[in-house]
C-alpha atoms as a PDB file:
ATOM      1  CA  MET A   1      19.910 142.482 156.623  1.00  0.00           C
ATOM      2  CA  GLY A   2      17.254 140.672 154.637  1.00  0.00           C
ATOM      3  CA  ARG A   3      16.824 138.998 150.740  1.00  0.00           C
ATOM      4  CA  ARG A   4      14.401 142.290 150.402  1.00  0.00           C
ATOM      5  CA  GLU A   5      17.113 145.266 151.256  1.00  0.00           C
ATOM      6  CA  LYS A   6      19.766 143.269 149.172  1.00  0.00           C
ATOM      7  CA  ASP A   7      18.288 142.505 146.266  1.00  0.00           C
ATOM      8  CA  PHE A   8      17.365 146.758 146.735  1.00  0.00           C
ATOM      9  CA  LEU A   9      20.358 147.652 147.273  1.00  0.00           C
ATOM     10  CA  ILE A  10      22.361 145.228 144.201  1.00  0.00           C
ATOM     11  CA  GLY A  11      19.419 147.326 141.708  1.00  0.00           C
ATOM     12  CA  PHE A  12      21.020 150.885 143.260  1.00  0.00           C
ATOM     13  CA  GLU A  13      24.737 149.598 142.545  1.00  0.00           C
ATOM     14  CA  ARG A  14      23.431 148.767 139.272  1.00  0.00           C
ATOM     15  CA  ALA A  15      21.692 152.704 138.623  1.00  0.00           C
ATOM     16  CA  ALA A  16      24.999 154.034 140.274  1.00  0.00           C
ATOM     17  CA  ILE A  17      27.515 151.975 137.841  1.00  0.00           C
ATOM     18  CA  LEU A  18      25.222 152.512 135.064  1.00  0.00           C
ATOM     19  CA  THR A  19      24.667 156.607 135.821  1.00  0.00           C
ATOM     20  CA  ARG A  20      28.973 157.069 136.511  1.00  0.00           C
ATOM     21  CA  ARG A  21      29.338 154.723 132.666  1.00  0.00           C
ATOM     22  CA  VAL A  22      26.562 156.941 130.890  1.00  0.00           C
ATOM     23  CA  LEU A  23      27.896 159.822 131.836  1.00  0.00           C
ATOM     24  CA  ALA A  24      31.412 159.250 130.836  1.00  0.00           C
ATOM     25  CA  SER A  25      30.459 157.638 127.689  1.00  0.00           C
ATOM     26  CA  PRO A  26      27.222 158.537 127.128  1.00  0.00           C
ATOM     27  CA  PRO A  27      25.286 157.404 123.507  1.00  0.00           C
ATOM     28  CA  THR A  28      25.970 159.333 120.395  1.00  0.00           C
ATOM     29  CA  TYR A  29      21.622 159.053 120.010  1.00  0.00           C
ATOM     30  CA  MET A  30      20.504 160.689 122.932  1.00  0.00           C
ATOM     31  CA  THR A  31      21.750 162.798 126.251  1.00  0.00           C
ATOM     32  CA  ALA A  32      23.006 160.505 129.150  1.00  0.00           C
ATOM     33  CA  GLN A  33      19.390 161.653 131.185  1.00  0.00           C
ATOM     34  CA  ALA A  34      17.470 161.127 127.650  1.00  0.00           C
ATOM     35  CA  TYR A  35      18.250 157.624 128.690  1.00  0.00           C
ATOM     36  CA  VAL A  36      18.660 156.873 132.403  1.00  0.00           C
ATOM     37  CA  GLU A  37      15.308 158.280 132.578  1.00  0.00           C
ATOM     38  CA  ASP A  38      14.174 155.457 129.287  1.00  0.00           C
ATOM     39  CA  VAL A  39      16.100 152.786 131.697  1.00  0.00           C
ATOM     40  CA  VAL A  40      12.859 154.559 134.464  1.00  0.00           C
ATOM     41  CA  ASP A  41      10.500 153.891 132.264  1.00  0.00           C
ATOM     42  CA  LEU A  42      11.686 150.599 131.064  1.00  0.00           C
ATOM     43  CA  HIS A  43      11.421 149.437 134.837  1.00  0.00           C
ATOM     44  CA  ALA A  44       9.097 151.322 136.742  1.00  0.00           C
ATOM     45  CA  ASP A  45       6.041 148.979 136.951  1.00  0.00           C
ATOM     46  CA  SER A  46       8.704 146.129 137.620  1.00  0.00           C
ATOM     47  CA  GLU A  47       7.938 143.691 141.113  1.00  0.00           C
ATOM     48  CA  ASP A  48      11.368 143.048 141.607  1.00  0.00           C
ATOM     49  CA  LEU A  49      13.359 145.113 143.620  1.00  0.00           C
ATOM     50  CA  VAL A  50      16.217 144.522 142.320  1.00  0.00           C
ATOM     51  CA  SER A  51      14.658 147.044 139.292  1.00  0.00           C
ATOM     52  CA  ARG A  52      12.909 149.495 142.148  1.00  0.00           C
ATOM     53  CA  GLY A  53      16.477 149.590 143.037  1.00  0.00           C
ATOM     54  CA  LEU A  54      17.373 150.549 139.632  1.00  0.00           C
ATOM     55  CA  VAL A  55      15.063 152.777 139.540  1.00  0.00           C
ATOM     56  CA  VAL A  56      15.425 154.536 142.771  1.00  0.00           C
ATOM     57  CA  GLY A  57      18.687 154.619 142.124  1.00  0.00           C
ATOM     58  CA  CYS A  58      18.809 156.385 138.940  1.00  0.00           C
ATOM     59  CA  LEU A  59      16.417 159.189 139.792  1.00  0.00           C
ATOM     60  CA  ALA A  60      18.324 159.857 142.865  1.00  0.00           C
ATOM     61  CA  ALA A  61      20.881 160.432 139.945  1.00  0.00           C
ATOM     62  CA  LEU A  62      18.542 162.530 137.985  1.00  0.00           C
ATOM     63  CA  GLY A  63      17.745 164.744 141.605  1.00  0.00           C
ATOM     64  CA  LYS A  64      14.829 163.471 141.130  1.00  0.00           C
ATOM     65  CA  GLY A  65      14.403 160.709 144.089  1.00  0.00           C
END
């Protein structure tokens, strides 16, 4: 497995950790889904493969990917 694939999988792993934590303890100022959608919006245009993995993982957690 190359560096690019590893970076993407690191981002995907971070998305899994993030969504698990947000669903277990949602923020008080917005829904867990809105929070994860904001994370997607923040990272959607990134060229970084870790960020791309994060976006794809978050979208998958929301059932949109």
